[in-house]
Amino acid sequence: MTAILAAAIVLLPDNALSAAEKRAGWQLMFDGKTTKGWKNFKSTTLNKGWQAKDGTLAVVDENNAGDIVSDGKYDWFELSLDFMLGPGQNSGVMFRVADSGEATWHSGPEVQLYDHKMEAGTQITGFLYELYPSKVDAAKPGGQWNHLRMLVSPKSCVTEVNGVKYYEYVIDSPDFWSRVAKSKFNAFPGFAKTKKGRIAIQGDHGVVSFKNMKIRPIKA
């Protein structure tokens, strides 16, 4: 039985849900073939710089891509996805993004995606931008696939890169707001105030591809 289950996991194609995932409430955010479910921020369409290409949702032209947001809105959730950055490229995944504001990052906290070695003052892959860093760097270099897991739940929020836990925090906690007050986000009154918002992906900082994008809403 164990061998059969292992084989089933191995044979599961990209951008698909297993029977167990469906039972657990997971939903696909990218079908591997179309850009359905995504649009540019403050738009009803998607710029041509984003394309469904070779089973990935990819930035093919960073000058005509821009930040995109999910059709769905989420408060508590578990998000799982694979990403590949070009060498030295930059992107990010934001959550609870409001439809208001001039930019996605004015409201949504961002898990940074940046192909850069760990050094003081640099926000690298996995960091919750300007809020929670990590003492470890488990990211693979540009040109290789990485796995990101984000848990945003009432009791605990966790970020993992390639199965390695980076940090844990509680959103709306005194520690969280203390860090916000010391960051550039303190200038934006609506930052992290949206209780239920969109998932956003940064698309104007470099070439990046995504696949196996799955989300599991969590009831409070």
N, C-alpha and C. Protein backbone atom coordinates (compact mmCIF):
# COMPACT_ATOMS: atom_id res chain seq x y z
N MET A 1 0.83 -1.20 0.00
CA MET A 1 0.00 0.00 0.00
C MET A 1 0.87 1.26 0.00
N THR A 2 1.92 1.26 0.83
CA THR A 2 2.82 2.42 0.90
C THR A 2 3.46 2.69 -0.45
N ALA A 3 3.90 1.63 -1.12
CA ALA A 3 4.53 1.76 -2.43
C ALA A 3 3.56 2.33 -3.45
N ILE A 4 2.29 1.89 -3.38
CA ILE A 4 1.28 2.39 -4.31
C ILE A 4 1.03 3.87 -4.10
N LEU A 5 0.93 4.29 -2.84
CA LEU A 5 0.71 5.71 -2.53
C LEU A 5 1.89 6.54 -2.98
N ALA A 6 3.10 6.05 -2.75
CA ALA A 6 4.30 6.78 -3.15
C ALA A 6 4.33 6.94 -4.66
N ALA A 7 3.97 5.89 -5.37
CA ALA A 7 3.96 5.95 -6.83
C ALA A 7 2.94 6.96 -7.32
N ALA A 8 1.77 7.02 -6.64
CA ALA A 8 0.72 7.96 -7.03
C ALA A 8 1.19 9.39 -6.86
N ILE A 9 1.94 9.64 -5.78
CA ILE A 9 2.45 10.99 -5.53
C ILE A 9 3.46 11.37 -6.60
N VAL A 10 4.35 10.44 -6.92
CA VAL A 10 5.38 10.71 -7.90
C VAL A 10 4.78 10.99 -9.28
N LEU A 11 3.70 10.25 -9.62
CA LEU A 11 3.10 10.35 -10.93
C LEU A 11 2.12 11.51 -11.07
N LEU A 12 1.81 12.19 -9.98
CA LEU A 12 0.88 13.32 -10.05
C LEU A 12 1.49 14.40 -10.95
N PRO A 13 0.81 14.79 -12.01
CA PRO A 13 1.37 15.80 -12.92
C PRO A 13 1.38 17.18 -12.29
N ASP A 14 2.15 18.08 -12.89
CA ASP A 14 2.15 19.46 -12.43
C ASP A 14 0.75 20.06 -12.58
N ASN A 15 0.48 21.04 -11.73
CA ASN A 15 -0.75 21.82 -11.79
C ASN A 15 -2.01 20.94 -11.69
N ALA A 16 -1.94 19.99 -10.77
CA ALA A 16 -3.07 19.09 -10.54
C ALA A 16 -3.20 18.83 -9.04
N LEU A 17 -4.39 18.43 -8.64
CA LEU A 17 -4.65 18.10 -7.24
C LEU A 17 -4.85 16.60 -7.09
N SER A 18 -4.28 16.05 -6.06
CA SER A 18 -4.51 14.64 -5.75
C SER A 18 -5.89 14.51 -5.10
N ALA A 19 -6.37 13.29 -5.02
CA ALA A 19 -7.65 13.04 -4.37
C ALA A 19 -7.60 13.48 -2.91
N ALA A 20 -6.47 13.23 -2.26
CA ALA A 20 -6.32 13.62 -0.85
C ALA A 20 -6.34 15.14 -0.70
N GLU A 21 -5.71 15.84 -1.62
CA GLU A 21 -5.71 17.30 -1.56
C GLU A 21 -7.12 17.85 -1.75
N LYS A 22 -7.86 17.26 -2.67
CA LYS A 22 -9.23 17.71 -2.89
C LYS A 22 -10.07 17.51 -1.65
N ARG A 23 -9.90 16.36 -1.01
CA ARG A 23 -10.65 16.09 0.23
C ARG A 23 -10.28 17.08 1.33
N ALA A 24 -9.02 17.51 1.33
CA ALA A 24 -8.54 18.44 2.37
C ALA A 24 -8.93 19.89 2.07
N GLY A 25 -9.54 20.14 0.91
CA GLY A 25 -10.01 21.49 0.61
C GLY A 25 -9.07 22.34 -0.22
N TRP A 26 -8.03 21.71 -0.80
CA TRP A 26 -7.11 22.48 -1.64
C TRP A 26 -7.78 22.86 -2.95
N GLN A 27 -7.38 24.04 -3.47
CA GLN A 27 -7.89 24.56 -4.73
C GLN A 27 -6.72 24.97 -5.61
N LEU A 28 -6.81 24.69 -6.90
CA LEU A 28 -5.78 25.12 -7.83
C LEU A 28 -5.94 26.62 -8.12
N MET A 29 -4.82 27.34 -8.13
CA MET A 29 -4.84 28.75 -8.49
C MET A 29 -4.32 28.96 -9.92
N PHE A 30 -3.82 27.91 -10.53
CA PHE A 30 -3.32 27.97 -11.90
C PHE A 30 -3.52 26.60 -12.52
N ASP A 31 -4.21 26.55 -13.68
CA ASP A 31 -4.54 25.26 -14.29
C ASP A 31 -3.45 24.72 -15.20
N GLY A 32 -2.36 25.49 -15.38
CA GLY A 32 -1.25 25.02 -16.21
C GLY A 32 -1.40 25.33 -17.68
N LYS A 33 -2.58 25.82 -18.07
CA LYS A 33 -2.84 26.05 -19.49
C LYS A 33 -3.27 27.48 -19.80
N THR A 34 -3.97 28.10 -18.86
CA THR A 34 -4.50 29.44 -19.10
C THR A 34 -4.14 30.36 -17.93
N THR A 35 -4.42 31.64 -18.09
CA THR A 35 -4.18 32.61 -17.01
C THR A 35 -5.47 32.87 -16.22
N LYS A 36 -6.43 32.01 -16.39
CA LYS A 36 -7.71 32.14 -15.69
C LYS A 36 -7.49 32.24 -14.18
N GLY A 37 -8.18 33.18 -13.55
CA GLY A 37 -8.08 33.34 -12.10
C GLY A 37 -7.17 34.47 -11.69
N TRP A 38 -6.51 35.12 -12.68
CA TRP A 38 -5.58 36.20 -12.38
C TRP A 38 -5.85 37.42 -13.26
N LYS A 39 -5.57 38.58 -12.71
CA LYS A 39 -5.72 39.84 -13.44
C LYS A 39 -4.73 40.83 -12.87
N ASN A 40 -4.44 41.85 -13.63
CA ASN A 40 -3.55 42.88 -13.11
C ASN A 40 -4.26 43.69 -12.03
N PHE A 41 -3.49 44.21 -11.11
CA PHE A 41 -4.02 45.03 -10.03
C PHE A 41 -4.77 46.22 -10.61
N LYS A 42 -5.98 46.44 -10.10
CA LYS A 42 -6.85 47.52 -10.56
C LYS A 42 -7.22 47.38 -12.03
N SER A 43 -7.36 46.15 -12.48
CA SER A 43 -7.73 45.88 -13.87
C SER A 43 -8.63 44.66 -13.92
N THR A 44 -9.27 44.46 -15.05
CA THR A 44 -10.09 43.26 -15.25
C THR A 44 -9.41 42.30 -16.23
N THR A 45 -8.26 42.70 -16.74
CA THR A 45 -7.53 41.88 -17.71
C THR A 45 -6.10 41.66 -17.25
N LEU A 46 -5.36 40.89 -18.05
CA LEU A 46 -3.97 40.57 -17.73
C LEU A 46 -3.06 41.10 -18.82
N ASN A 47 -2.00 41.80 -18.42
CA ASN A 47 -1.04 42.33 -19.39
C ASN A 47 -0.34 41.19 -20.15
N LYS A 48 0.11 41.49 -21.37
CA LYS A 48 0.73 40.48 -22.22
C LYS A 48 2.08 40.01 -21.70
N GLY A 49 2.66 40.74 -20.74
CA GLY A 49 3.93 40.32 -20.16
C GLY A 49 3.81 39.08 -19.30
N TRP A 50 2.57 38.74 -18.90
CA TRP A 50 2.29 37.49 -18.19
C TRP A 50 1.69 36.50 -19.17
N GLN A 51 2.18 35.27 -19.17
CA GLN A 51 1.65 34.25 -20.07
C GLN A 51 1.64 32.87 -19.40
N ALA A 52 0.70 32.05 -19.83
CA ALA A 52 0.74 30.63 -19.48
C ALA A 52 1.63 29.98 -20.52
N LYS A 53 2.81 29.54 -20.08
CA LYS A 53 3.83 29.07 -21.01
C LYS A 53 4.47 27.79 -20.48
N ASP A 54 4.39 26.74 -21.27
CA ASP A 54 5.03 25.45 -20.93
C ASP A 54 4.65 24.98 -19.53
N GLY A 55 3.38 25.11 -19.20
CA GLY A 55 2.90 24.64 -17.91
C GLY A 55 3.23 25.55 -16.74
N THR A 56 3.63 26.78 -17.03
CA THR A 56 3.94 27.74 -15.97
C THR A 56 3.19 29.05 -16.20
N LEU A 57 2.98 29.77 -15.13
CA LEU A 57 2.49 31.14 -15.20
C LEU A 57 3.73 32.00 -15.09
N ALA A 58 4.09 32.69 -16.19
CA ALA A 58 5.42 33.28 -16.26
C ALA A 58 5.41 34.74 -16.70
N VAL A 59 6.38 35.48 -16.19
CA VAL A 59 6.68 36.81 -16.70
C VAL A 59 7.60 36.63 -17.90
N VAL A 60 7.11 37.00 -19.06
CA VAL A 60 7.94 36.88 -20.27
C VAL A 60 8.45 38.26 -20.71
N ASP A 61 7.84 39.31 -20.17
CA ASP A 61 8.27 40.68 -20.46
C ASP A 61 7.99 41.53 -19.23
N GLU A 62 9.04 41.76 -18.42
CA GLU A 62 8.84 42.48 -17.17
C GLU A 62 8.41 43.93 -17.38
N ASN A 63 8.60 44.45 -18.59
CA ASN A 63 8.19 45.83 -18.87
C ASN A 63 6.72 45.94 -19.24
N ASN A 64 6.07 44.80 -19.42
CA ASN A 64 4.65 44.81 -19.75
C ASN A 64 3.91 43.74 -18.96
N ALA A 65 4.31 43.59 -17.69
CA ALA A 65 3.69 42.57 -16.84
C ALA A 65 2.91 43.21 -15.69
N GLY A 66 3.64 43.79 -14.74
CA GLY A 66 3.00 44.43 -13.59
C GLY A 66 2.52 43.42 -12.57
N ASP A 67 2.09 43.90 -11.43
CA ASP A 67 1.62 43.02 -10.36
C ASP A 67 0.24 42.46 -10.71
N ILE A 68 0.05 41.18 -10.41
CA ILE A 68 -1.24 40.55 -10.67
C ILE A 68 -1.86 40.09 -9.35
N VAL A 69 -3.17 39.95 -9.36
CA VAL A 69 -3.90 39.55 -8.15
C VAL A 69 -4.87 38.42 -8.49
N SER A 70 -5.18 37.64 -7.49
CA SER A 70 -6.11 36.52 -7.66
C SER A 70 -7.54 37.03 -7.73
N ASP A 71 -8.37 36.27 -8.42
CA ASP A 71 -9.80 36.61 -8.43
C ASP A 71 -10.38 36.44 -7.04
N GLY A 72 -9.93 35.40 -6.33
CA GLY A 72 -10.46 35.12 -5.01
C GLY A 72 -9.83 35.95 -3.92
N LYS A 73 -10.56 36.11 -2.81
CA LYS A 73 -10.06 36.81 -1.63
C LYS A 73 -9.99 35.81 -0.47
N TYR A 74 -8.97 35.99 0.38
CA TYR A 74 -8.72 35.03 1.45
C TYR A 74 -8.34 35.76 2.74
N ASP A 75 -8.76 35.19 3.85
CA ASP A 75 -8.32 35.71 5.15
C ASP A 75 -7.29 34.75 5.74
N TRP A 76 -7.72 33.52 6.07
CA TRP A 76 -6.81 32.50 6.60
C TRP A 76 -6.65 31.41 5.55
N PHE A 77 -5.42 30.95 5.37
CA PHE A 77 -5.17 30.00 4.28
C PHE A 77 -3.80 29.36 4.41
N GLU A 78 -3.61 28.30 3.62
CA GLU A 78 -2.29 27.70 3.41
C GLU A 78 -2.04 27.76 1.91
N LEU A 79 -0.91 28.31 1.51
CA LEU A 79 -0.56 28.48 0.10
C LEU A 79 0.70 27.67 -0.21
N SER A 80 0.66 26.96 -1.32
CA SER A 80 1.79 26.15 -1.74
C SER A 80 2.05 26.41 -3.22
N LEU A 81 3.30 26.67 -3.58
CA LEU A 81 3.63 26.90 -4.99
C LEU A 81 5.11 26.64 -5.25
N ASP A 82 5.42 26.42 -6.52
CA ASP A 82 6.80 26.30 -6.97
C ASP A 82 7.14 27.53 -7.81
N PHE A 83 8.35 28.03 -7.64
CA PHE A 83 8.76 29.21 -8.41
C PHE A 83 10.19 29.05 -8.89
N MET A 84 10.47 29.69 -10.01
CA MET A 84 11.83 29.71 -10.54
C MET A 84 12.15 31.13 -10.99
N LEU A 85 13.20 31.69 -10.41
CA LEU A 85 13.67 33.02 -10.77
C LEU A 85 14.81 32.91 -11.78
N GLY A 86 14.90 33.90 -12.66
CA GLY A 86 16.10 33.99 -13.47
C GLY A 86 17.25 34.45 -12.59
N PRO A 87 18.49 34.21 -12.97
CA PRO A 87 19.63 34.63 -12.16
C PRO A 87 19.56 36.12 -11.80
N GLY A 88 19.59 36.41 -10.50
CA GLY A 88 19.56 37.79 -10.03
C GLY A 88 18.21 38.46 -10.11
N GLN A 89 17.16 37.70 -10.43
CA GLN A 89 15.83 38.29 -10.63
C GLN A 89 15.06 38.38 -9.31
N ASN A 90 13.95 39.12 -9.35
CA ASN A 90 13.24 39.52 -8.15
C ASN A 90 11.73 39.43 -8.38
N SER A 91 11.02 38.96 -7.37
CA SER A 91 9.56 38.95 -7.40
C SER A 91 9.08 38.89 -5.95
N GLY A 92 7.82 38.56 -5.76
CA GLY A 92 7.31 38.46 -4.41
C GLY A 92 5.87 37.99 -4.42
N VAL A 93 5.44 37.40 -3.31
CA VAL A 93 4.06 36.94 -3.14
C VAL A 93 3.46 37.69 -1.96
N MET A 94 2.38 38.42 -2.22
CA MET A 94 1.71 39.20 -1.19
C MET A 94 0.36 38.58 -0.83
N PHE A 95 -0.15 38.90 0.35
CA PHE A 95 -1.44 38.38 0.76
C PHE A 95 -2.26 39.46 1.44
N ARG A 96 -3.58 39.23 1.45
CA ARG A 96 -4.54 40.19 1.99
C ARG A 96 -4.40 41.56 1.31
N VAL A 97 -4.23 41.52 0.01
CA VAL A 97 -4.10 42.76 -0.76
C VAL A 97 -5.47 43.37 -0.99
N ALA A 98 -5.61 44.65 -0.67
CA ALA A 98 -6.87 45.37 -0.85
C ALA A 98 -6.98 45.89 -2.28
N ASP A 99 -8.20 46.10 -2.73
CA ASP A 99 -8.42 46.66 -4.06
C ASP A 99 -8.11 48.15 -4.11
N SER A 100 -8.09 48.78 -2.95
CA SER A 100 -7.78 50.20 -2.87
C SER A 100 -6.27 50.39 -2.76
N GLY A 101 -5.83 51.65 -2.72
CA GLY A 101 -4.40 51.91 -2.63
C GLY A 101 -3.78 52.01 -4.00
N GLU A 102 -2.60 52.61 -4.07
CA GLU A 102 -1.94 52.83 -5.35
C GLU A 102 -1.12 51.63 -5.81
N ALA A 103 -0.78 50.74 -4.89
CA ALA A 103 0.04 49.58 -5.24
C ALA A 103 -0.32 48.41 -4.35
N THR A 104 -0.04 47.20 -4.81
CA THR A 104 -0.35 46.01 -4.03
C THR A 104 0.34 46.01 -2.67
N TRP A 105 1.60 46.46 -2.65
CA TRP A 105 2.38 46.39 -1.41
C TRP A 105 2.01 47.47 -0.40
N HIS A 106 1.11 48.37 -0.76
CA HIS A 106 0.63 49.36 0.21
C HIS A 106 -0.31 48.72 1.23
N SER A 107 -0.84 47.54 0.91
CA SER A 107 -1.75 46.87 1.83
C SER A 107 -1.32 45.45 2.17
N GLY A 108 -0.65 44.76 1.23
CA GLY A 108 -0.35 43.35 1.46
C GLY A 108 1.07 43.06 1.88
N PRO A 109 1.27 42.38 3.01
CA PRO A 109 2.61 41.92 3.38
C PRO A 109 3.18 41.02 2.29
N GLU A 110 4.48 41.09 2.07
CA GLU A 110 5.10 40.40 0.95
C GLU A 110 6.19 39.41 1.38
N VAL A 111 6.05 38.18 0.92
CA VAL A 111 7.15 37.22 1.04
C VAL A 111 8.05 37.45 -0.18
N GLN A 112 9.26 37.88 0.09
CA GLN A 112 10.19 38.24 -0.97
C GLN A 112 10.69 37.01 -1.72
N LEU A 113 10.86 37.16 -3.03
CA LEU A 113 11.52 36.17 -3.87
C LEU A 113 12.64 36.91 -4.59
N TYR A 114 13.87 36.59 -4.25
CA TYR A 114 15.00 37.34 -4.81
C TYR A 114 16.22 36.43 -4.87
N ASP A 115 16.73 36.23 -6.06
CA ASP A 115 17.91 35.39 -6.25
C ASP A 115 19.15 36.20 -5.89
N HIS A 116 19.52 36.11 -4.63
CA HIS A 116 20.64 36.90 -4.11
C HIS A 116 21.20 36.18 -2.90
N LYS A 117 22.50 36.21 -2.73
CA LYS A 117 23.10 35.58 -1.56
C LYS A 117 22.73 36.34 -0.30
N MET A 118 22.74 35.65 0.82
CA MET A 118 22.40 36.27 2.09
C MET A 118 23.50 37.24 2.51
N GLU A 119 23.10 38.48 2.75
CA GLU A 119 24.04 39.47 3.28
C GLU A 119 23.26 40.55 3.99
N ALA A 120 23.90 41.25 4.90
CA ALA A 120 23.24 42.26 5.72
C ALA A 120 22.55 43.31 4.85
N GLY A 121 21.31 43.60 5.22
CA GLY A 121 20.57 44.65 4.53
C GLY A 121 19.84 44.22 3.28
N THR A 122 20.00 42.95 2.87
CA THR A 122 19.35 42.47 1.66
C THR A 122 18.18 41.57 2.01
N GLN A 123 17.02 41.87 1.42
CA GLN A 123 15.82 41.07 1.63
C GLN A 123 15.80 39.95 0.60
N ILE A 124 16.14 38.74 1.03
CA ILE A 124 16.25 37.64 0.07
C ILE A 124 15.02 36.73 0.12
N THR A 125 15.01 35.73 -0.73
CA THR A 125 13.89 34.81 -0.83
C THR A 125 13.46 34.27 0.53
N GLY A 126 12.16 34.38 0.79
CA GLY A 126 11.58 33.86 2.01
C GLY A 126 11.35 34.89 3.10
N PHE A 127 12.06 36.01 3.06
CA PHE A 127 11.88 37.04 4.08
C PHE A 127 10.48 37.67 3.94
N LEU A 128 9.80 37.93 5.05
CA LEU A 128 8.61 38.75 5.00
C LEU A 128 9.11 40.18 4.98
N TYR A 129 9.02 40.80 3.84
CA TYR A 129 9.76 42.01 3.50
C TYR A 129 9.74 43.06 4.61
N GLU A 130 10.93 43.38 5.10
CA GLU A 130 11.19 44.38 6.15
C GLU A 130 10.57 44.06 7.50
N LEU A 131 9.96 42.86 7.63
CA LEU A 131 9.31 42.53 8.89
C LEU A 131 9.95 41.32 9.58
N TYR A 132 10.03 40.20 8.88
CA TYR A 132 10.59 38.99 9.48
C TYR A 132 11.65 38.39 8.56
N PRO A 133 12.91 38.41 8.98
CA PRO A 133 14.00 37.80 8.22
C PRO A 133 14.18 36.33 8.63
N SER A 134 15.20 35.71 8.11
CA SER A 134 15.52 34.33 8.47
C SER A 134 17.01 34.20 8.69
N LYS A 135 17.39 33.29 9.58
CA LYS A 135 18.80 33.03 9.82
C LYS A 135 19.35 31.99 8.86
N VAL A 136 18.43 31.38 8.08
CA VAL A 136 18.86 30.36 7.13
C VAL A 136 18.48 30.79 5.71
N ASP A 137 19.17 30.23 4.75
CA ASP A 137 18.87 30.48 3.34
C ASP A 137 18.81 29.12 2.64
N ALA A 138 17.59 28.64 2.40
CA ALA A 138 17.40 27.33 1.79
C ALA A 138 17.06 27.42 0.31
N ALA A 139 17.08 28.62 -0.25
CA ALA A 139 16.69 28.80 -1.65
C ALA A 139 17.75 28.27 -2.61
N LYS A 140 17.29 27.66 -3.68
CA LYS A 140 18.19 27.22 -4.74
C LYS A 140 18.45 28.40 -5.67
N PRO A 141 19.58 28.42 -6.35
CA PRO A 141 19.94 29.56 -7.20
C PRO A 141 19.04 29.72 -8.41
N GLY A 142 19.13 30.90 -9.03
CA GLY A 142 18.35 31.20 -10.21
C GLY A 142 18.47 30.12 -11.26
N GLY A 143 17.34 29.84 -11.92
CA GLY A 143 17.33 28.79 -12.93
C GLY A 143 16.90 27.44 -12.41
N GLN A 144 16.67 27.33 -11.07
CA GLN A 144 16.21 26.09 -10.48
C GLN A 144 14.87 26.32 -9.79
N TRP A 145 14.08 25.25 -9.71
CA TRP A 145 12.79 25.36 -9.06
C TRP A 145 12.93 25.33 -7.54
N ASN A 146 12.13 26.17 -6.89
CA ASN A 146 12.04 26.23 -5.44
C ASN A 146 10.59 26.02 -5.03
N HIS A 147 10.41 25.59 -3.79
CA HIS A 147 9.05 25.42 -3.26
C HIS A 147 8.81 26.40 -2.11
N LEU A 148 7.68 27.08 -2.17
CA LEU A 148 7.29 28.02 -1.12
C LEU A 148 5.99 27.56 -0.47
N ARG A 149 5.98 27.55 0.85
CA ARG A 149 4.75 27.28 1.61
C ARG A 149 4.51 28.43 2.57
N MET A 150 3.30 28.95 2.52
CA MET A 150 2.90 30.02 3.43
C MET A 150 1.66 29.59 4.19
N LEU A 151 1.73 29.67 5.50
CA LEU A 151 0.57 29.42 6.35
C LEU A 151 0.19 30.72 7.03
N VAL A 152 -1.04 31.15 6.84
CA VAL A 152 -1.55 32.36 7.49
C VAL A 152 -2.80 31.93 8.24
N SER A 153 -2.66 31.71 9.54
CA SER A 153 -3.77 31.24 10.36
C SER A 153 -3.87 32.10 11.62
N PRO A 154 -5.01 32.05 12.31
CA PRO A 154 -5.21 32.92 13.47
C PRO A 154 -4.16 32.76 14.56
N LYS A 155 -3.71 31.54 14.79
CA LYS A 155 -2.78 31.29 15.88
C LYS A 155 -1.31 31.41 15.47
N SER A 156 -1.03 31.17 14.18
CA SER A 156 0.36 31.15 13.76
C SER A 156 0.47 31.36 12.25
N CYS A 157 1.47 32.12 11.86
CA CYS A 157 1.80 32.30 10.45
C CYS A 157 3.23 31.80 10.24
N VAL A 158 3.42 30.98 9.23
CA VAL A 158 4.72 30.34 9.00
C VAL A 158 5.08 30.45 7.52
N THR A 159 6.37 30.68 7.26
CA THR A 159 6.88 30.64 5.89
C THR A 159 7.97 29.59 5.80
N GLU A 160 7.88 28.75 4.77
CA GLU A 160 8.89 27.72 4.54
C GLU A 160 9.38 27.81 3.10
N VAL A 161 10.67 27.61 2.91
CA VAL A 161 11.27 27.54 1.57
C VAL A 161 11.95 26.18 1.44
N ASN A 162 11.52 25.41 0.44
CA ASN A 162 12.07 24.08 0.21
C ASN A 162 12.03 23.21 1.46
N GLY A 163 10.92 23.33 2.19
CA GLY A 163 10.70 22.50 3.37
C GLY A 163 11.39 22.98 4.62
N VAL A 164 12.10 24.12 4.55
CA VAL A 164 12.81 24.66 5.72
C VAL A 164 12.02 25.84 6.30
N LYS A 165 11.70 25.75 7.57
CA LYS A 165 10.97 26.81 8.24
C LYS A 165 11.87 28.03 8.43
N TYR A 166 11.38 29.20 8.00
CA TYR A 166 12.16 30.42 8.11
C TYR A 166 11.83 31.21 9.37
N TYR A 167 10.56 31.34 9.68
CA TYR A 167 10.14 32.12 10.86
C TYR A 167 8.67 31.82 11.13
N GLU A 168 8.23 32.27 12.28
CA GLU A 168 6.84 32.13 12.70
C GLU A 168 6.42 33.42 13.37
N TYR A 169 5.22 33.85 13.12
CA TYR A 169 4.72 35.10 13.71
C TYR A 169 3.21 35.04 13.85
N VAL A 170 2.67 35.99 14.57
CA VAL A 170 1.22 36.11 14.72
C VAL A 170 0.81 37.46 14.16
N ILE A 171 0.03 37.44 13.12
CA ILE A 171 -0.40 38.70 12.52
C ILE A 171 -1.32 39.42 13.50
N ASP A 172 -1.22 40.73 13.55
CA ASP A 172 -1.98 41.58 14.48
C ASP A 172 -1.45 41.53 15.90
N SER A 173 -0.36 40.83 16.14
CA SER A 173 0.22 40.78 17.48
C SER A 173 1.01 42.07 17.75
N PRO A 174 1.29 42.39 19.01
CA PRO A 174 2.11 43.57 19.32
C PRO A 174 3.47 43.53 18.62
N ASP A 175 4.08 42.33 18.54
CA ASP A 175 5.37 42.21 17.87
C ASP A 175 5.25 42.54 16.39
N PHE A 176 4.18 42.05 15.76
CA PHE A 176 3.97 42.33 14.34
C PHE A 176 3.86 43.82 14.10
N TRP A 177 3.02 44.50 14.87
CA TRP A 177 2.80 45.93 14.63
C TRP A 177 4.02 46.77 15.03
N SER A 178 4.80 46.28 15.97
CA SER A 178 6.05 46.97 16.32
C SER A 178 7.01 46.95 15.14
N ARG A 179 7.06 45.83 14.45
CA ARG A 179 7.93 45.73 13.28
C ARG A 179 7.41 46.59 12.13
N VAL A 180 6.11 46.63 11.96
CA VAL A 180 5.52 47.48 10.92
C VAL A 180 5.87 48.95 11.18
N ALA A 181 5.80 49.35 12.45
CA ALA A 181 6.08 50.74 12.82
C ALA A 181 7.51 51.15 12.49
N LYS A 182 8.42 50.18 12.44
CA LYS A 182 9.82 50.48 12.17
C LYS A 182 10.16 50.31 10.69
N SER A 183 9.18 49.96 9.88
CA SER A 183 9.41 49.70 8.47
C SER A 183 8.86 50.83 7.61
N LYS A 184 9.11 50.74 6.30
CA LYS A 184 8.58 51.74 5.37
C LYS A 184 7.07 51.66 5.26
N PHE A 185 6.50 50.52 5.66
CA PHE A 185 5.06 50.34 5.55
C PHE A 185 4.27 51.17 6.55
N ASN A 186 4.95 51.72 7.53
CA ASN A 186 4.29 52.57 8.50
C ASN A 186 3.69 53.81 7.84
N ALA A 187 4.18 54.14 6.66
CA ALA A 187 3.68 55.33 5.94
C ALA A 187 2.35 55.07 5.25
N PHE A 188 1.89 53.80 5.26
CA PHE A 188 0.66 53.45 4.57
C PHE A 188 -0.38 52.97 5.59
N PRO A 189 -1.38 53.79 5.90
CA PRO A 189 -2.35 53.47 6.95
C PRO A 189 -3.09 52.15 6.74
N GLY A 190 -3.22 51.73 5.48
CA GLY A 190 -3.97 50.51 5.21
C GLY A 190 -3.14 49.25 5.20
N PHE A 191 -1.84 49.37 5.48
CA PHE A 191 -0.98 48.19 5.39
C PHE A 191 -1.36 47.13 6.42
N ALA A 192 -1.58 45.91 5.93
CA ALA A 192 -1.91 44.74 6.76
C ALA A 192 -3.22 44.92 7.54
N LYS A 193 -4.05 45.86 7.13
CA LYS A 193 -5.31 46.10 7.82
C LYS A 193 -6.47 45.36 7.17
N THR A 194 -6.29 44.91 5.93
CA THR A 194 -7.35 44.18 5.24
C THR A 194 -7.49 42.79 5.85
N LYS A 195 -8.69 42.46 6.29
CA LYS A 195 -8.92 41.17 6.94
C LYS A 195 -9.09 40.04 5.93
N LYS A 196 -9.55 40.39 4.74
CA LYS A 196 -9.74 39.40 3.69
C LYS A 196 -9.39 40.04 2.36
N GLY A 197 -8.32 39.58 1.73
CA GLY A 197 -7.86 40.23 0.50
C GLY A 197 -7.31 39.23 -0.50
N ARG A 198 -6.76 39.78 -1.56
CA ARG A 198 -6.29 38.95 -2.67
C ARG A 198 -4.84 38.51 -2.48
N ILE A 199 -4.48 37.41 -3.13
CA ILE A 199 -3.09 37.01 -3.26
C ILE A 199 -2.53 37.81 -4.44
N ALA A 200 -1.34 38.35 -4.32
CA ALA A 200 -0.74 39.13 -5.40
C ALA A 200 0.66 38.61 -5.69
N ILE A 201 1.07 38.77 -6.94
CA ILE A 201 2.41 38.38 -7.36
C ILE A 201 3.05 39.57 -8.05
N GLN A 202 4.26 39.88 -7.64
CA GLN A 202 5.00 41.01 -8.21
C GLN A 202 5.52 40.62 -9.60
N GLY A 203 5.27 41.51 -10.57
CA GLY A 203 5.65 41.16 -11.93
C GLY A 203 6.49 42.18 -12.66
N ASP A 204 6.98 43.19 -11.95
CA ASP A 204 7.72 44.25 -12.64
C ASP A 204 9.18 44.34 -12.23
N HIS A 205 9.68 43.28 -11.55
CA HIS A 205 11.06 43.32 -11.07
C HIS A 205 11.98 42.29 -11.72
N GLY A 206 11.43 41.48 -12.63
CA GLY A 206 12.29 40.50 -13.27
C GLY A 206 11.54 39.29 -13.77
N VAL A 207 12.28 38.39 -14.39
CA VAL A 207 11.71 37.18 -14.98
C VAL A 207 11.50 36.12 -13.90
N VAL A 208 10.29 35.57 -13.85
CA VAL A 208 9.96 34.56 -12.84
C VAL A 208 8.85 33.67 -13.39
N SER A 209 8.86 32.41 -12.98
CA SER A 209 7.83 31.45 -13.41
C SER A 209 7.25 30.75 -12.18
N PHE A 210 5.97 30.38 -12.28
CA PHE A 210 5.29 29.69 -11.19
C PHE A 210 4.54 28.48 -11.73
N LYS A 211 4.42 27.46 -10.88
CA LYS A 211 3.59 26.30 -11.20
C LYS A 211 3.13 25.66 -9.90
N ASN A 212 2.22 24.71 -10.01
CA ASN A 212 1.71 24.00 -8.83
C ASN A 212 1.22 24.96 -7.76
N MET A 213 0.47 25.96 -8.17
CA MET A 213 -0.04 26.99 -7.26
C MET A 213 -1.36 26.50 -6.65
N LYS A 214 -1.33 26.25 -5.35
CA LYS A 214 -2.49 25.67 -4.66
C LYS A 214 -2.77 26.44 -3.37
N ILE A 215 -4.04 26.55 -3.03
CA ILE A 215 -4.40 27.25 -1.81
C ILE A 215 -5.48 26.45 -1.07
N ARG A 216 -5.39 26.46 0.23
CA ARG A 216 -6.37 25.78 1.08
C ARG A 216 -6.93 26.79 2.07
N PRO A 217 -8.14 27.29 1.84
CA PRO A 217 -8.74 28.22 2.80
C PRO A 217 -8.91 27.56 4.16
N ILE A 218 -8.71 28.34 5.20
CA ILE A 218 -8.82 27.85 6.57
C ILE A 218 -9.92 28.63 7.29
N LYS A 219 -10.80 27.91 7.96
CA LYS A 219 -11.83 28.58 8.74
C LYS A 219 -11.26 29.03 10.08
N ALA A 220 -11.62 30.24 10.47
CA ALA A 220 -11.11 30.79 11.74
C ALA A 220 -11.66 29.97 12.89
